[in-house]
Amino acid sequence: MMKIAIMGAMPEEIAPILKIVGDYKTTEYADNTYYEATYKGSELVIAYSKIGKVFSTLTATTMIEHFGCSILLFSGVAGGINPSLKIGDLIVATKLSQHDLDITAFGHPIGFVPGGSVFVETDKELIKIAKDVAVELGKTVQEGIIATGDQFVHDEAIKKKIVDNFNADALEMEGGSVGVVCNALNVPFFILRAISDTADTDASFSFDEFMESSAIISAEFVMKMVDKIVSPSYDAK
């Protein structure tokens, strides 16, 4: 039986998923709570990691290594820095970077460490499924680069630097580190974000206002993807 991990960073990001799933078992492990459910003949493990790269790394690793998940889907919100992205829009990461990983003093590009890479790429088959879901729902989903860092960006100078260095379309605080984990453990992964703010000087205000509604948009889309993944016609890796 396929086991799918569904992650968010905050309670608000997984609450709509738990509502759709309905019945689940709660498991406490590694200082976090995991929600296990049977859904349409497959097993789901759902969790919010808490904010930031360290917590998201711990949670993603736990879901794969301890719970045995073979696919990971991340549903959440992000700050848009591509002017074409508006609040409530959906973006699918084609690749992710860590914008605050900086050893440029030693001659390396920003976001790079020896033995690693600046970008980690997401699973192309899962992106294809997302495109199919978007067509069925009549939604527009933008593909793009997401930059991850341990800071809530609301400064134009920092935003410009991230765009210049990574050509990023959106900013958040977990996806890049989740990607590193999944890539290292050969687990197909997918990062979907709904825009909750535009990473500007009003970001803290608009984030509070729109985070919950954007999280619902992302969660409902991810669960439509789960419907396709668990269908008999899906050829699991």
Protein backbone atom coordinates (compact mmCIF):
# COMPACT_ATOMS: atom_id res chain seq x y z
CA MET A 1 0.00 0.00 0.00
CA MET A 2 1.35 3.41 -0.99
CA LYS A 3 2.11 5.77 1.88
CA ILE A 4 2.03 9.50 1.12
CA ALA A 5 3.44 12.27 3.31
CA ILE A 6 1.57 15.57 3.30
CA MET A 7 3.39 18.41 5.03
CA GLY A 8 2.70 21.96 6.02
CA ALA A 9 4.64 24.32 8.26
CA MET A 10 1.79 25.67 10.38
CA PRO A 11 -1.44 24.22 11.83
CA GLU A 12 -3.49 26.35 9.44
CA GLU A 13 -1.79 24.69 6.47
CA ILE A 14 -2.83 21.15 7.36
CA ALA A 15 -6.19 21.84 9.05
CA PRO A 16 -8.09 21.81 5.72
CA ILE A 17 -6.42 18.49 4.82
CA LEU A 18 -7.42 16.89 8.12
CA LYS A 19 -10.96 18.14 7.54
CA ILE A 20 -11.09 16.43 4.12
CA VAL A 21 -9.57 13.20 5.46
CA GLY A 22 -11.98 13.08 8.39
CA ASP A 23 -10.79 10.13 10.50
CA TYR A 24 -7.16 9.82 11.57
CA LYS A 25 -4.91 8.45 14.28
CA THR A 26 -2.63 10.82 16.17
CA THR A 27 0.95 9.76 16.85
CA GLU A 28 3.44 11.72 18.93
CA TYR A 29 7.03 11.27 17.78
CA ALA A 30 10.25 13.33 17.77
CA ASP A 31 8.60 16.27 19.54
CA ASN A 32 5.89 16.57 16.91
CA THR A 33 2.40 15.29 16.11
CA TYR A 34 1.69 13.08 13.10
CA TYR A 35 -1.78 12.29 11.78
CA GLU A 36 -2.14 8.89 10.11
CA ALA A 37 -5.14 8.12 7.94
CA THR A 38 -6.38 5.63 5.38
CA TYR A 39 -7.67 7.48 2.35
CA LYS A 40 -9.10 5.83 -0.77
CA GLY A 41 -7.05 2.68 -0.27
CA SER A 42 -3.75 4.39 0.53
CA GLU A 43 -2.13 5.58 3.72
CA LEU A 44 -1.50 9.24 4.48
CA VAL A 45 0.84 10.70 7.08
CA ILE A 46 0.04 14.37 7.68
CA ALA A 47 2.01 16.82 9.81
CA TYR A 48 2.96 20.44 10.23
CA SER A 49 6.64 20.83 10.94
CA LYS A 50 6.70 24.22 12.65
CA ILE A 51 8.31 27.11 10.82
CA GLY A 52 11.82 27.06 9.37
CA LYS A 53 14.41 24.88 7.70
CA VAL A 54 15.51 22.90 10.76
CA PHE A 55 12.01 21.83 11.78
CA SER A 56 10.97 21.05 8.21
CA THR A 57 14.11 18.93 7.72
CA LEU A 58 13.34 16.97 10.87
CA THR A 59 9.71 16.41 9.91
CA ALA A 60 10.40 15.40 6.31
CA THR A 61 13.10 12.96 7.40
CA THR A 62 10.81 11.48 10.06
CA MET A 63 7.95 11.01 7.61
CA ILE A 64 10.22 9.13 5.22
CA GLU A 65 12.51 7.20 7.56
CA HIS A 66 10.23 6.50 10.52
CA PHE A 67 6.78 6.35 8.90
CA GLY A 68 7.95 4.92 5.57
CA CYS A 69 6.41 7.44 3.17
CA SER A 70 7.40 7.03 -0.47
CA ILE A 71 6.05 10.34 -1.83
CA LEU A 72 6.01 13.78 -0.16
CA LEU A 73 3.64 16.62 -0.96
CA PHE A 74 4.03 20.01 0.70
CA SER A 75 1.03 22.34 0.93
CA GLY A 76 1.33 25.85 2.26
CA VAL A 77 1.63 29.57 1.67
CA ALA A 78 4.42 31.79 0.37
CA GLY A 79 5.33 35.38 -0.34
CA GLY A 80 5.20 36.29 -4.01
CA ILE A 81 8.08 38.26 -5.50
CA ASN A 82 7.25 37.74 -9.16
CA PRO A 83 4.97 40.70 -10.00
CA SER A 84 2.63 38.36 -11.87
CA LEU A 85 1.74 36.53 -8.64
CA LYS A 86 -1.21 37.88 -6.69
CA ILE A 87 -2.62 36.87 -3.31
CA GLY A 88 -4.37 33.51 -3.62
CA ASP A 89 -2.46 32.46 -6.76
CA LEU A 90 -0.85 29.02 -6.82
CA ILE A 91 2.79 28.32 -7.60
CA VAL A 92 4.41 24.94 -8.10
CA ALA A 93 8.15 24.78 -7.49
CA THR A 94 10.20 23.44 -10.39
CA LYS A 95 13.30 23.89 -8.23
CA LEU A 96 14.20 25.41 -4.89
CA SER A 97 17.18 27.12 -3.30
CA GLN A 98 18.30 28.22 0.16
CA HIS A 99 18.70 31.98 -0.17
CA ASP A 100 20.33 32.43 3.24
CA LEU A 101 23.00 29.74 2.80
CA ASP A 102 26.05 31.91 2.26
CA ILE A 103 29.71 30.84 2.12
CA THR A 104 30.56 33.25 -0.67
CA ALA A 105 33.55 34.32 1.44
CA PHE A 106 35.19 31.06 0.30
CA GLY A 107 34.49 31.65 -3.38
CA HIS A 108 31.30 29.61 -3.68
CA PRO A 109 28.04 30.85 -5.20
CA ILE A 110 25.40 31.89 -2.71
CA GLY A 111 23.14 28.96 -1.84
CA PHE A 112 25.89 26.41 -2.50
CA VAL A 113 27.89 24.20 -0.17
CA PRO A 114 30.60 21.73 -1.28
CA GLY A 115 28.98 18.41 -2.07
CA GLY A 116 25.63 20.08 -2.60
CA SER A 117 24.02 22.28 -5.23
CA VAL A 118 22.41 25.69 -5.44
CA PHE A 119 19.08 24.24 -6.60
CA VAL A 120 17.18 21.03 -5.92
CA GLU A 121 14.62 19.99 -8.53
CA THR A 122 11.13 18.69 -7.79
CA ASP A 123 9.52 15.62 -9.34
CA LYS A 124 8.39 16.17 -12.95
CA GLU A 125 5.66 13.51 -12.80
CA LEU A 126 4.04 15.19 -9.79
CA ILE A 127 4.17 18.53 -11.61
CA LYS A 128 2.40 16.88 -14.55
CA ILE A 129 -0.32 15.63 -12.20
CA ALA A 130 -0.66 19.17 -10.82
CA LYS A 131 -1.17 20.51 -14.35
CA ASP A 132 -3.92 17.94 -14.95
CA VAL A 133 -5.62 18.90 -11.67
CA ALA A 134 -5.38 22.60 -12.57
CA VAL A 135 -7.17 21.97 -15.87
CA GLU A 136 -9.90 19.96 -14.16
CA LEU A 137 -10.42 22.66 -11.51
CA GLY A 138 -10.18 25.52 -13.99
CA LYS A 139 -7.29 27.02 -12.03
CA THR A 140 -4.09 28.64 -13.19
CA VAL A 141 -0.95 27.26 -11.56
CA GLN A 142 2.35 28.97 -12.22
CA GLU A 143 5.58 26.99 -12.30
CA GLY A 144 8.62 28.72 -10.88
CA ILE A 145 11.61 28.93 -8.59
CA ILE A 146 11.00 29.11 -4.85
CA ALA A 147 13.68 30.42 -2.51
CA THR A 148 13.77 29.19 1.09
CA GLY A 149 15.34 30.88 4.10
CA ASP A 150 15.00 31.25 7.85
CA GLN A 151 13.54 34.72 7.71
CA PHE A 152 10.19 36.29 6.90
CA VAL A 153 11.19 38.68 4.14
CA HIS A 154 9.51 42.07 4.13
CA ASP A 155 12.40 44.24 2.95
CA GLU A 156 12.71 45.39 -0.67
CA ALA A 157 16.52 45.26 -0.64
CA ILE A 158 16.57 41.65 0.56
CA LYS A 159 13.89 40.73 -1.95
CA LYS A 160 15.87 42.27 -4.81
CA LYS A 161 19.02 40.41 -3.75
CA ILE A 162 17.15 37.08 -3.75
CA VAL A 163 15.68 37.78 -7.19
CA ASP A 164 19.11 38.75 -8.53
CA ASN A 165 20.82 35.66 -7.10
CA PHE A 166 18.19 32.99 -7.74
CA ASN A 167 15.64 34.45 -10.19
CA ALA A 168 13.07 33.39 -7.59
CA ASP A 169 9.33 33.80 -8.03
CA ALA A 170 8.30 33.19 -4.41
CA LEU A 171 9.76 33.05 -0.92
CA GLU A 172 9.07 30.73 2.01
CA MET A 173 10.83 29.03 4.92
CA GLU A 174 10.68 25.24 4.42
CA GLY A 175 10.61 23.99 0.83
CA GLY A 176 14.31 24.09 0.02
CA SER A 177 15.29 22.05 3.05
CA VAL A 178 12.48 19.54 2.44
CA GLY A 179 13.78 19.21 -1.10
CA VAL A 180 17.31 18.43 0.08
CA VAL A 181 15.97 15.64 2.31
CA CYS A 182 13.77 14.09 -0.38
CA ASN A 183 16.48 14.35 -3.02
CA ALA A 184 19.03 12.64 -0.75
CA LEU A 185 16.59 9.83 0.12
CA ASN A 186 15.29 9.40 -3.46
CA VAL A 187 11.70 10.28 -2.55
CA PRO A 188 9.63 12.10 -5.22
CA PHE A 189 8.45 15.41 -3.79
CA PHE A 190 6.26 18.33 -4.73
CA ILE A 191 5.98 21.83 -3.27
CA LEU A 192 2.77 23.79 -3.78
CA ARG A 193 2.32 27.27 -2.36
CA ALA A 194 -0.58 29.69 -2.43
CA ILE A 195 0.46 33.33 -2.27
CA SER A 196 -0.47 34.93 1.04
CA ASP A 197 1.53 38.16 0.73
CA THR A 198 3.78 39.90 -1.73
CA ALA A 199 6.94 39.99 0.42
CA ASP A 200 6.85 43.76 0.70
CA THR A 201 6.69 46.27 3.55
CA ASP A 202 3.05 45.32 4.18
CA ALA A 203 3.81 41.59 4.26
CA SER A 204 3.12 41.05 7.95
CA PHE A 205 -0.30 42.65 7.64
CA SER A 206 -1.41 40.86 4.48
CA PHE A 207 0.04 37.56 5.69
CA ASP A 208 -2.18 37.59 8.78
CA GLU A 209 -5.18 38.54 6.68
CA PHE A 210 -4.80 36.08 3.83
CA MET A 211 -2.78 33.15 5.22
CA GLU A 212 -5.77 31.03 6.23
CA SER A 213 -7.71 31.47 2.98
CA SER A 214 -4.59 30.84 0.89
CA ALA A 215 -3.78 27.72 2.92
CA ILE A 216 -7.24 26.33 2.14
CA ILE A 217 -6.69 26.90 -1.60
CA SER A 218 -3.36 25.06 -1.50
CA ALA A 219 -4.66 22.20 0.66
CA GLU A 220 -7.71 21.53 -1.50
CA PHE A 221 -5.52 21.44 -4.61
CA VAL A 222 -3.05 19.01 -3.01
CA MET A 223 -5.87 16.68 -1.99
CA LYS A 224 -7.12 16.64 -5.59
CA MET A 225 -3.61 15.54 -6.51
CA VAL A 226 -3.79 12.78 -3.90
CA ASP A 227 -7.02 11.59 -5.53
CA LYS A 228 -5.11 11.13 -8.79
CA ILE A 229 -2.03 9.57 -7.19
CA VAL A 230 -4.05 6.92 -5.36
CA SER A 231 -6.18 6.08 -8.38
CA PRO A 232 -5.49 2.67 -10.01
CA SER A 233 -4.36 4.39 -13.22
CA TYR A 234 -1.43 6.14 -11.48
CA ASP A 235 1.88 4.36 -12.11
CA ALA A 236 3.69 4.77 -8.79
CA LYS A 237 7.46 4.93 -8.84
